[in-house]
Amino acid sequence: MIRQPDFSPGMLDEVRPDVRERSGSAVDEVVLETFNEGLSAQIMHVGPYSEEGPTVELLHGYIREQGYRERGHHHEIYLGDPRRTKPEKLKTIRRQPVERA
């Protein structure tokens, strides 16, 4: 999941052929959707994706300490490009929907 600016939903369809020509057919799998998970807890992980475990545990501990429990699936927002960013500098926001325990 990569956050996108507000723009016309038709813009993706406009640029898709050009991107497909330059970068291949993976662009055909791209979708834009609005995501509203409601009340959530979030945390920023800095570092390689493979080392998110302690950050996730910290988030889950915080959720329990505040009297909540996890609800539904988490999602991640990637703030860097792993092709251009050193693994130790990658930033990922991990969001977990919650509800009162």
PDB file of N, CA and C in Angstrom:
ATOM      1  N   MET A   1       0.854  -1.162   0.000  1.00  0.00           N
ATOM      2  CA  MET A   1       0.000   0.000   0.000  1.00  0.00           C
ATOM      3  C   MET A   1       0.904   1.229   0.000  1.00  0.00           C
ATOM      4  N   ILE A   2       0.632   2.115  -0.928  1.00  0.00           N
ATOM      5  CA  ILE A   2       1.387   3.358  -1.025  1.00  0.00           C
ATOM      6  C   ILE A   2       0.369   4.486  -1.106  1.00  0.00           C
ATOM      7  N   ARG A   3       0.447   5.408  -0.169  1.00  0.00           N
ATOM      8  CA  ARG A   3      -0.498   6.515  -0.147  1.00  0.00           C
ATOM      9  C   ARG A   3      -0.356   7.340  -1.414  1.00  0.00           C
ATOM     10  N   GLN A   4      -1.494   7.761  -1.957  1.00  0.00           N
ATOM     11  CA  GLN A   4      -1.516   8.546  -3.184  1.00  0.00           C
ATOM     12  C   GLN A   4      -2.184   9.890  -2.924  1.00  0.00           C
ATOM     13  N   PRO A   5      -1.778  10.911  -3.666  1.00  0.00           N
ATOM     14  CA  PRO A   5      -2.453  12.209  -3.518  1.00  0.00           C
ATOM     15  C   PRO A   5      -3.863  12.121  -4.076  1.00  0.00           C
ATOM     16  N   ASP A   6      -4.695  13.057  -3.651  1.00  0.00           N
ATOM     17  CA  ASP A   6      -6.047  13.131  -4.204  1.00  0.00           C
ATOM     18  C   ASP A   6      -5.945  13.604  -5.650  1.00  0.00           C
ATOM     19  N   PHE A   7      -6.448  12.831  -6.556  1.00  0.00           N
ATOM     20  CA  PHE A   7      -6.512  13.223  -7.951  1.00  0.00           C
ATOM     21  C   PHE A   7      -7.617  12.435  -8.622  1.00  0.00           C
ATOM     22  N   SER A   8      -7.916  12.811  -9.821  1.00  0.00           N
ATOM     23  CA  SER A   8      -8.990  12.158 -10.553  1.00  0.00           C
ATOM     24  C   SER A   8      -8.723  10.664 -10.686  1.00  0.00           C
ATOM     25  N   PRO A   9      -9.683   9.794 -10.325  1.00  0.00           N
ATOM     26  CA  PRO A   9      -9.488   8.356 -10.468  1.00  0.00           C
ATOM     27  C   PRO A   9      -9.173   7.947 -11.910  1.00  0.00           C
ATOM     28  N   GLY A  10      -9.603   8.742 -12.887  1.00  0.00           N
ATOM     29  CA  GLY A  10      -9.327   8.440 -14.278  1.00  0.00           C
ATOM     30  C   GLY A  10      -7.865   8.614 -14.658  1.00  0.00           C
ATOM     31  N   MET A  11      -7.098   9.307 -13.819  1.00  0.00           N
ATOM     32  CA  MET A  11      -5.699   9.553 -14.142  1.00  0.00           C
ATOM     33  C   MET A  11      -4.908   8.246 -14.256  1.00  0.00           C
ATOM     34  N   LEU A  12      -5.208   7.272 -13.414  1.00  0.00           N
ATOM     35  CA  LEU A  12      -4.503   5.992 -13.482  1.00  0.00           C
ATOM     36  C   LEU A  12      -4.705   5.355 -14.855  1.00  0.00           C
ATOM     37  N   ASP A  13      -5.924   5.375 -15.348  1.00  0.00           N
ATOM     38  CA  ASP A  13      -6.197   4.804 -16.666  1.00  0.00           C
ATOM     39  C   ASP A  13      -5.484   5.574 -17.777  1.00  0.00           C
ATOM     40  N   GLU A  14      -5.309   6.876 -17.572  1.00  0.00           N
ATOM     41  CA  GLU A  14      -4.616   7.689 -18.571  1.00  0.00           C
ATOM     42  C   GLU A  14      -3.133   7.342 -18.669  1.00  0.00           C
ATOM     43  N   VAL A  15      -2.487   7.094 -17.540  1.00  0.00           N
ATOM     44  CA  VAL A  15      -1.037   6.864 -17.552  1.00  0.00           C
ATOM     45  C   VAL A  15      -0.676   5.395 -17.716  1.00  0.00           C
ATOM     46  N   ARG A  16      -1.619   4.508 -17.494  1.00  0.00           N
ATOM     47  CA  ARG A  16      -1.335   3.070 -17.540  1.00  0.00           C
ATOM     48  C   ARG A  16      -0.669   2.622 -18.848  1.00  0.00           C
ATOM     49  N   PRO A  17      -1.158   3.010 -20.044  1.00  0.00           N
ATOM     50  CA  PRO A  17      -0.506   2.550 -21.278  1.00  0.00           C
ATOM     51  C   PRO A  17       0.955   2.988 -21.384  1.00  0.00           C
ATOM     52  N   ASP A  18       1.232   4.219 -20.983  1.00  0.00           N
ATOM     53  CA  ASP A  18       2.603   4.724 -21.053  1.00  0.00           C
ATOM     54  C   ASP A  18       3.517   3.962 -20.097  1.00  0.00           C
ATOM     55  N   VAL A  19       3.044   3.731 -18.886  1.00  0.00           N
ATOM     56  CA  VAL A  19       3.829   2.994 -17.891  1.00  0.00           C
ATOM     57  C   VAL A  19       4.027   1.547 -18.347  1.00  0.00           C
ATOM     58  N   ARG A  20       2.993   0.940 -18.906  1.00  0.00           N
ATOM     59  CA  ARG A  20       3.093  -0.434 -19.394  1.00  0.00           C
ATOM     60  C   ARG A  20       4.184  -0.542 -20.459  1.00  0.00           C
ATOM     61  N   GLU A  21       4.230   0.427 -21.354  1.00  0.00           N
ATOM     62  CA  GLU A  21       5.225   0.414 -22.433  1.00  0.00           C
ATOM     63  C   GLU A  21       6.644   0.524 -21.884  1.00  0.00           C
ATOM     64  N   ARG A  22       6.830   1.337 -20.863  1.00  0.00           N
ATOM     65  CA  ARG A  22       8.167   1.541 -20.293  1.00  0.00           C
ATOM     66  C   ARG A  22       8.566   0.479 -19.287  1.00  0.00           C
ATOM     67  N   SER A  23       7.587  -0.011 -18.515  1.00  0.00           N
ATOM     68  CA  SER A  23       7.942  -0.843 -17.357  1.00  0.00           C
ATOM     69  C   SER A  23       7.313  -2.230 -17.331  1.00  0.00           C
ATOM     70  N   GLY A  24       6.449  -2.541 -18.270  1.00  0.00           N
ATOM     71  CA  GLY A  24       5.865  -3.876 -18.294  1.00  0.00           C
ATOM     72  C   GLY A  24       4.443  -3.922 -17.782  1.00  0.00           C
ATOM     73  N   SER A  25       3.903  -5.119 -17.779  1.00  0.00           N
ATOM     74  CA  SER A  25       2.477  -5.312 -17.501  1.00  0.00           C
ATOM     75  C   SER A  25       2.097  -5.309 -16.025  1.00  0.00           C
ATOM     76  N   ALA A  26       3.050  -5.218 -15.119  1.00  0.00           N
ATOM     77  CA  ALA A  26       2.706  -5.191 -13.687  1.00  0.00           C
ATOM     78  C   ALA A  26       1.785  -4.021 -13.360  1.00  0.00           C
ATOM     79  N   VAL A  27       1.856  -2.956 -14.148  1.00  0.00           N
ATOM     80  CA  VAL A  27       0.999  -1.797 -13.905  1.00  0.00           C
ATOM     81  C   VAL A  27      -0.478  -2.161 -14.025  1.00  0.00           C
ATOM     82  N   ASP A  28      -0.789  -3.240 -14.744  1.00  0.00           N
ATOM     83  CA  ASP A  28      -2.182  -3.654 -14.879  1.00  0.00           C
ATOM     84  C   ASP A  28      -2.761  -4.184 -13.567  1.00  0.00           C
ATOM     85  N   GLU A  29      -1.912  -4.500 -12.607  1.00  0.00           N
ATOM     86  CA  GLU A  29      -2.374  -4.995 -11.311  1.00  0.00           C
ATOM     87  C   GLU A  29      -2.591  -3.874 -10.297  1.00  0.00           C
ATOM     88  N   VAL A  30      -2.221  -2.658 -10.653  1.00  0.00           N
ATOM     89  CA  VAL A  30      -2.348  -1.520  -9.743  1.00  0.00           C
ATOM     90  C   VAL A  30      -3.813  -1.107  -9.654  1.00  0.00           C
ATOM     91  N   VAL A  31      -4.276  -0.921  -8.427  1.00  0.00           N
ATOM     92  CA  VAL A  31      -5.630  -0.425  -8.193  1.00  0.00           C
ATOM     93  C   VAL A  31      -5.565   0.716  -7.186  1.00  0.00           C
ATOM     94  N   LEU A  32      -6.480   1.629  -7.310  1.00  0.00           N
ATOM     95  CA  LEU A  32      -6.628   2.698  -6.329  1.00  0.00           C
ATOM     96  C   LEU A  32      -7.896   2.422  -5.551  1.00  0.00           C
ATOM     97  N   GLU A  33      -7.795   2.467  -4.238  1.00  0.00           N
ATOM     98  CA  GLU A  33      -8.990   2.279  -3.434  1.00  0.00           C
ATOM     99  C   GLU A  33      -8.896   3.113  -2.176  1.00  0.00           C
ATOM    100  N   THR A  34     -10.039   3.508  -1.682  1.00  0.00           N
ATOM    101  CA  THR A  34     -10.104   4.239  -0.427  1.00  0.00           C
ATOM    102  C   THR A  34     -10.128   3.222   0.696  1.00  0.00           C
ATOM    103  N   PHE A  35      -9.334   3.461   1.697  1.00  0.00           N
ATOM    104  CA  PHE A  35      -9.203   2.521   2.795  1.00  0.00           C
ATOM    105  C   PHE A  35      -9.595   3.246   4.068  1.00  0.00           C
ATOM    106  N   ASN A  36     -10.629   2.779   4.743  1.00  0.00           N
ATOM    107  CA  ASN A  36     -11.087   3.399   5.982  1.00  0.00           C
ATOM    108  C   ASN A  36     -11.206   2.327   7.043  1.00  0.00           C
ATOM    109  N   GLU A  37     -10.161   2.180   7.852  1.00  0.00           N
ATOM    110  CA  GLU A  37     -10.174   1.110   8.841  1.00  0.00           C
ATOM    111  C   GLU A  37     -10.750   1.532  10.175  1.00  0.00           C
ATOM    112  N   GLY A  38     -11.122   2.789  10.337  1.00  0.00           N
ATOM    113  CA  GLY A  38     -11.671   3.242  11.604  1.00  0.00           C
ATOM    114  C   GLY A  38     -10.581   3.469  12.641  1.00  0.00           C
ATOM    115  N   LEU A  39     -10.958   3.336  13.916  1.00  0.00           N
ATOM    116  CA  LEU A  39     -10.022   3.564  15.004  1.00  0.00           C
ATOM    117  C   LEU A  39      -8.835   2.618  14.875  1.00  0.00           C
ATOM    118  N   SER A  40      -7.629   3.173  14.895  1.00  0.00           N
ATOM    119  CA  SER A  40      -6.429   2.370  14.675  1.00  0.00           C
ATOM    120  C   SER A  40      -5.286   2.868  15.535  1.00  0.00           C
ATOM    121  N   ALA A  41      -4.339   1.984  15.756  1.00  0.00           N
ATOM    122  CA  ALA A  41      -3.064   2.350  16.360  1.00  0.00           C
ATOM    123  C   ALA A  41      -2.018   2.197  15.265  1.00  0.00           C
ATOM    124  N   GLN A  42      -1.004   3.037  15.307  1.00  0.00           N
ATOM    125  CA  GLN A  42       0.027   2.937  14.285  1.00  0.00           C
ATOM    126  C   GLN A  42       1.400   3.193  14.882  1.00  0.00           C
ATOM    127  N   ILE A  43       2.402   2.706  14.160  1.00  0.00           N
ATOM    128  CA  ILE A  43       3.783   2.891  14.581  1.00  0.00           C
ATOM    129  C   ILE A  43       4.655   2.971  13.339  1.00  0.00           C
ATOM    130  N   MET A  44       5.743   3.718  13.444  1.00  0.00           N
ATOM    131  CA  MET A  44       6.690   3.830  12.340  1.00  0.00           C
ATOM    132  C   MET A  44       7.849   2.869  12.597  1.00  0.00           C
ATOM    133  N   HIS A  45       8.125   2.028  11.604  1.00  0.00           N
ATOM    134  CA  HIS A  45       9.295   1.144  11.655  1.00  0.00           C
ATOM    135  C   HIS A  45      10.351   1.724  10.720  1.00  0.00           C
ATOM    136  N   VAL A  46      11.564   1.872  11.219  1.00  0.00           N
ATOM    137  CA  VAL A  46      12.675   2.314  10.389  1.00  0.00           C
ATOM    138  C   VAL A  46      13.669   1.166  10.321  1.00  0.00           C
ATOM    139  N   GLY A  47      13.919   0.698   9.101  1.00  0.00           N
ATOM    140  CA  GLY A  47      14.852  -0.403   8.912  1.00  0.00           C
ATOM    141  C   GLY A  47      14.310  -1.418   7.929  1.00  0.00           C
ATOM    142  N   PRO A  48      15.035  -2.518   7.772  1.00  0.00           N
ATOM    143  CA  PRO A  48      14.620  -3.551   6.816  1.00  0.00           C
ATOM    144  C   PRO A  48      13.265  -4.148   7.187  1.00  0.00           C
ATOM    145  N   TYR A  49      12.522  -4.532   6.168  1.00  0.00           N
ATOM    146  CA  TYR A  49      11.223  -5.160   6.400  1.00  0.00           C
ATOM    147  C   TYR A  49      11.374  -6.421   7.246  1.00  0.00           C
ATOM    148  N   SER A  50      12.462  -7.141   7.053  1.00  0.00           N
ATOM    149  CA  SER A  50      12.677  -8.401   7.766  1.00  0.00           C
ATOM    150  C   SER A  50      12.889  -8.202   9.267  1.00  0.00           C
ATOM    151  N   GLU A  51      13.080  -6.974   9.695  1.00  0.00           N
ATOM    152  CA  GLU A  51      13.320  -6.702  11.113  1.00  0.00           C
ATOM    153  C   GLU A  51      12.155  -5.977  11.781  1.00  0.00           C
ATOM    154  N   GLU A  52      10.952  -6.112  11.238  1.00  0.00           N
ATOM    155  CA  GLU A  52       9.778  -5.440  11.797  1.00  0.00           C
ATOM    156  C   GLU A  52       9.262  -6.084  13.083  1.00  0.00           C
ATOM    157  N   GLY A  53       9.656  -7.330  13.372  1.00  0.00           N
ATOM    158  CA  GLY A  53       9.103  -8.071  14.508  1.00  0.00           C
ATOM    159  C   GLY A  53       9.050  -7.300  15.813  1.00  0.00           C
ATOM    160  N   PRO A  54      10.161  -6.746  16.303  1.00  0.00           N
ATOM    161  CA  PRO A  54      10.121  -6.013  17.574  1.00  0.00           C
ATOM    162  C   PRO A  54       9.213  -4.779  17.517  1.00  0.00           C
ATOM    163  N   THR A  55       9.146  -4.125  16.379  1.00  0.00           N
ATOM    164  CA  THR A  55       8.269  -2.959  16.239  1.00  0.00           C
ATOM    165  C   THR A  55       6.813  -3.381  16.341  1.00  0.00           C
ATOM    166  N   VAL A  56       6.471  -4.494  15.713  1.00  0.00           N
ATOM    167  CA  VAL A  56       5.101  -5.018  15.761  1.00  0.00           C
ATOM    168  C   VAL A  56       4.743  -5.390  17.204  1.00  0.00           C
ATOM    169  N   GLU A  57       5.661  -6.037  17.901  1.00  0.00           N
ATOM    170  CA  GLU A  57       5.412  -6.406  19.301  1.00  0.00           C
ATOM    171  C   GLU A  57       5.205  -5.168  20.171  1.00  0.00           C
ATOM    172  N   LEU A  58       5.962  -4.117  19.911  1.00  0.00           N
ATOM    173  CA  LEU A  58       5.806  -2.863  20.646  1.00  0.00           C
ATOM    174  C   LEU A  58       4.405  -2.286  20.411  1.00  0.00           C
ATOM    175  N   LEU A  59       3.951  -2.301  19.175  1.00  0.00           N
ATOM    176  CA  LEU A  59       2.612  -1.814  18.844  1.00  0.00           C
ATOM    177  C   LEU A  59       1.546  -2.648  19.541  1.00  0.00           C
ATOM    178  N   HIS A  60       1.659  -3.962  19.464  1.00  0.00           N
ATOM    179  CA  HIS A  60       0.661  -4.834  20.097  1.00  0.00           C
ATOM    180  C   HIS A  60       0.627  -4.640  21.611  1.00  0.00           C
ATOM    181  N   GLY A  61       1.791  -4.475  22.220  1.00  0.00           N
ATOM    182  CA  GLY A  61       1.847  -4.209  23.656  1.00  0.00           C
ATOM    183  C   GLY A  61       1.154  -2.904  24.010  1.00  0.00           C
ATOM    184  N   TYR A  62       1.381  -1.883  23.217  1.00  0.00           N
ATOM    185  CA  TYR A  62       0.749  -0.584  23.454  1.00  0.00           C
ATOM    186  C   TYR A  62      -0.776  -0.707  23.348  1.00  0.00           C
ATOM    187  N   ILE A  63      -1.232  -1.419  22.340  1.00  0.00           N
ATOM    188  CA  ILE A  63      -2.677  -1.598  22.151  1.00  0.00           C
ATOM    189  C   ILE A  63      -3.296  -2.224  23.402  1.00  0.00           C
ATOM    190  N   ARG A  64      -2.690  -3.284  23.913  1.00  0.00           N
ATOM    191  CA  ARG A  64      -3.210  -3.953  25.121  1.00  0.00           C
ATOM    192  C   ARG A  64      -3.141  -3.035  26.336  1.00  0.00           C
ATOM    193  N   GLU A  65      -2.030  -2.322  26.496  1.00  0.00           N
ATOM    194  CA  GLU A  65      -1.873  -1.411  27.648  1.00  0.00           C
ATOM    195  C   GLU A  65      -2.938  -0.327  27.674  1.00  0.00           C
ATOM    196  N   GLN A  66      -3.418   0.068  26.524  1.00  0.00           N
ATOM    197  CA  GLN A  66      -4.426   1.121  26.437  1.00  0.00           C
ATOM    198  C   GLN A  66      -5.852   0.596  26.555  1.00  0.00           C
ATOM    199  N   GLY A  67      -5.996  -0.721  26.748  1.00  0.00           N
ATOM    200  CA  GLY A  67      -7.324  -1.304  26.927  1.00  0.00           C
ATOM    201  C   GLY A  67      -8.037  -1.657  25.629  1.00  0.00           C
ATOM    202  N   TYR A  68      -7.265  -1.873  24.584  1.00  0.00           N
ATOM    203  CA  TYR A  68      -7.839  -2.232  23.285  1.00  0.00           C
ATOM    204  C   TYR A  68      -7.371  -3.610  22.870  1.00  0.00           C
ATOM    205  N   ARG A  69      -7.946  -4.097  21.794  1.00  0.00           N
ATOM    206  CA  ARG A  69      -7.488  -5.338  21.176  1.00  0.00           C
ATOM    207  C   ARG A  69      -7.497  -5.129  19.661  1.00  0.00           C
ATOM    208  N   GLU A  70      -6.729  -5.934  18.992  1.00  0.00           N
ATOM    209  CA  GLU A  70      -6.636  -5.837  17.534  1.00  0.00           C
ATOM    210  C   GLU A  70      -7.956  -6.267  16.907  1.00  0.00           C
ATOM    211  N   ARG A  71      -8.312  -5.587  15.829  1.00  0.00           N
ATOM    212  CA  ARG A  71      -9.538  -5.894  15.094  1.00  0.00           C
ATOM    213  C   ARG A  71      -9.188  -5.911  13.611  1.00  0.00           C
ATOM    214  N   GLY A  72      -9.464  -7.013  12.965  1.00  0.00           N
ATOM    215  CA  GLY A  72      -9.213  -7.088  11.528  1.00  0.00           C
ATOM    216  C   GLY A  72      -7.733  -7.196  11.196  1.00  0.00           C
ATOM    217  N   HIS A  73      -7.439  -6.962   9.939  1.00  0.00           N
ATOM    218  CA  HIS A  73      -6.077  -7.099   9.437  1.00  0.00           C
ATOM    219  C   HIS A  73      -5.340  -5.765   9.508  1.00  0.00           C
ATOM    220  N   HIS A  74      -4.043  -5.845   9.757  1.00  0.00           N
ATOM    221  CA  HIS A  74      -3.213  -4.644   9.725  1.00  0.00           C
ATOM    222  C   HIS A  74      -2.902  -4.294   8.266  1.00  0.00           C
ATOM    223  N   HIS A  75      -2.374  -3.113   8.063  1.00  0.00           N
ATOM    224  CA  HIS A  75      -1.805  -2.799   6.757  1.00  0.00           C
ATOM    225  C   HIS A  75      -0.571  -1.936   6.966  1.00  0.00           C
ATOM    226  N   GLU A  76       0.230  -1.889   5.938  1.00  0.00           N
ATOM    227  CA  GLU A  76       1.492  -1.156   6.001  1.00  0.00           C
ATOM    228  C   GLU A  76       1.521  -0.115   4.898  1.00  0.00           C
ATOM    229  N   ILE A  77       2.079   1.039   5.221  1.00  0.00           N
ATOM    230  CA  ILE A  77       2.268   2.111   4.255  1.00  0.00           C
ATOM    231  C   ILE A  77       3.771   2.290   4.101  1.00  0.00           C
ATOM    232  N   TYR A  78       4.253   2.099   2.894  1.00  0.00           N
ATOM    233  CA  TYR A  78       5.689   2.164   2.617  1.00  0.00           C
ATOM    234  C   TYR A  78       6.060   3.573   2.186  1.00  0.00           C
ATOM    235  N   LEU A  79       7.007   4.176   2.889  1.00  0.00           N
ATOM    236  CA  LEU A  79       7.394   5.554   2.617  1.00  0.00           C
ATOM    237  C   LEU A  79       8.705   5.659   1.841  1.00  0.00           C
ATOM    238  N   GLY A  80       9.254   4.557   1.442  1.00  0.00           N
ATOM    239  CA  GLY A  80      10.494   4.581   0.677  1.00  0.00           C
ATOM    240  C   GLY A  80      10.442   3.565  -0.447  1.00  0.00           C
ATOM    241  N   ASP A  81      11.343   3.706  -1.363  1.00  0.00           N
ATOM    242  CA  ASP A  81      11.455   2.786  -2.485  1.00  0.00           C
ATOM    243  C   ASP A  81      12.603   1.831  -2.191  1.00  0.00           C
ATOM    244  N   PRO A  82      12.323   0.543  -1.965  1.00  0.00           N
ATOM    245  CA  PRO A  82      13.399  -0.385  -1.601  1.00  0.00           C
ATOM    246  C   PRO A  82      14.444  -0.555  -2.693  1.00  0.00           C
ATOM    247  N   ARG A  83      14.150  -0.118  -3.897  1.00  0.00           N
ATOM    248  CA  ARG A  83      15.151  -0.187  -4.972  1.00  0.00           C
ATOM    249  C   ARG A  83      16.152   0.952  -4.867  1.00  0.00           C
ATOM    250  N   ARG A  84      15.795   2.017  -4.146  1.00  0.00           N
ATOM    251  CA  ARG A  84      16.648   3.206  -4.078  1.00  0.00           C
ATOM    252  C   ARG A  84      17.089   3.578  -2.672  1.00  0.00           C
ATOM    253  N   THR A  85      16.491   2.941  -1.686  1.00  0.00           N
ATOM    254  CA  THR A  85      16.761   3.294  -0.290  1.00  0.00           C
ATOM    255  C   THR A  85      17.517   2.168   0.382  1.00  0.00           C
ATOM    256  N   LYS A  86      18.548   2.517   1.142  1.00  0.00           N
ATOM    257  CA  LYS A  86      19.280   1.501   1.898  1.00  0.00           C
ATOM    258  C   LYS A  86      18.312   0.853   2.885  1.00  0.00           C
ATOM    259  N   PRO A  87      18.412  -0.469   3.063  1.00  0.00           N
ATOM    260  CA  PRO A  87      17.471  -1.170   3.955  1.00  0.00           C
ATOM    261  C   PRO A  87      17.350  -0.540   5.341  1.00  0.00           C
ATOM    262  N   GLU A  88      18.458  -0.081   5.899  1.00  0.00           N
ATOM    263  CA  GLU A  88      18.405   0.492   7.251  1.00  0.00           C
ATOM    264  C   GLU A  88      17.696   1.841   7.302  1.00  0.00           C
ATOM    265  N   LYS A  89      17.394   2.432   6.144  1.00  0.00           N
ATOM    266  CA  LYS A  89      16.707   3.724   6.104  1.00  0.00           C
ATOM    267  C   LYS A  89      15.261   3.620   5.612  1.00  0.00           C
ATOM    268  N   LEU A  90      14.802   2.408   5.301  1.00  0.00           N
ATOM    269  CA  LEU A  90      13.419   2.238   4.865  1.00  0.00           C
ATOM    270  C   LEU A  90      12.463   2.616   5.994  1.00  0.00           C
ATOM    271  N   LYS A  91      11.364   3.258   5.645  1.00  0.00           N
ATOM    272  CA  LYS A  91      10.356   3.650   6.634  1.00  0.00           C
ATOM    273  C   LYS A  91       9.031   3.010   6.254  1.00  0.00           C
ATOM    274  N   THR A  92       8.409   2.385   7.251  1.00  0.00           N
ATOM    275  CA  THR A  92       7.125   1.721   7.059  1.00  0.00           C
ATOM    276  C   THR A  92       6.197   2.108   8.198  1.00  0.00           C
ATOM    277  N   ILE A  93       5.010   2.572   7.873  1.00  0.00           N
ATOM    278  CA  ILE A  93       3.988   2.818   8.895  1.00  0.00           C
ATOM    279  C   ILE A  93       3.138   1.561   8.969  1.00  0.00           C
ATOM    280  N   ARG A  94       3.023   1.010  10.149  1.00  0.00           N
ATOM    281  CA  ARG A  94       2.197  -0.179  10.383  1.00  0.00           C
ATOM    282  C   ARG A  94       0.951   0.284  11.117  1.00  0.00           C
ATOM    283  N   ARG A  95      -0.209   0.033  10.535  1.00  0.00           N
ATOM    284  CA  ARG A  95      -1.492   0.442  11.128  1.00  0.00           C
ATOM    285  C   ARG A  95      -2.304  -0.794  11.470  1.00  0.00           C
ATOM    286  N   GLN A  96      -2.843  -0.799  12.675  1.00  0.00           N
ATOM    287  CA  GLN A  96      -3.650  -1.917  13.151  1.00  0.00           C
ATOM    288  C   GLN A  96      -4.990  -1.383  13.645  1.00  0.00           C
ATOM    289  N   PRO A  97      -6.100  -1.748  12.994  1.00  0.00           N
ATOM    290  CA  PRO A  97      -7.415  -1.385  13.516  1.00  0.00           C
ATOM    291  C   PRO A  97      -7.606  -1.991  14.916  1.00  0.00           C
ATOM    292  N   VAL A  98      -8.287  -1.244  15.789  1.00  0.00           N
ATOM    293  CA  VAL A  98      -8.475  -1.687  17.174  1.00  0.00           C
ATOM    294  C   VAL A  98      -9.920  -1.480  17.595  1.00  0.00           C
ATOM    295  N   GLU A  99     -10.272  -2.147  18.709  1.00  0.00           N
ATOM    296  CA  GLU A  99     -11.558  -1.935  19.368  1.00  0.00           C
ATOM    297  C   GLU A  99     -11.340  -2.108  20.859  1.00  0.00           C
ATOM    298  N   ARG A 100     -12.250  -1.564  21.652  1.00  0.00           N
ATOM    299  CA  ARG A 100     -12.145  -1.697  23.111  1.00  0.00           C
ATOM    300  C   ARG A 100     -12.147  -3.169  23.496  1.00  0.00           C
ATOM    301  N   ALA A 101     -11.285  -3.533  24.440  1.00  0.00           N
ATOM    302  CA  ALA A 101     -11.213  -4.935  24.896  1.00  0.00           C
ATOM    303  C   ALA A 101     -12.407  -5.253  25.786  1.00  0.00           C
TER     304      ALA A 101
END
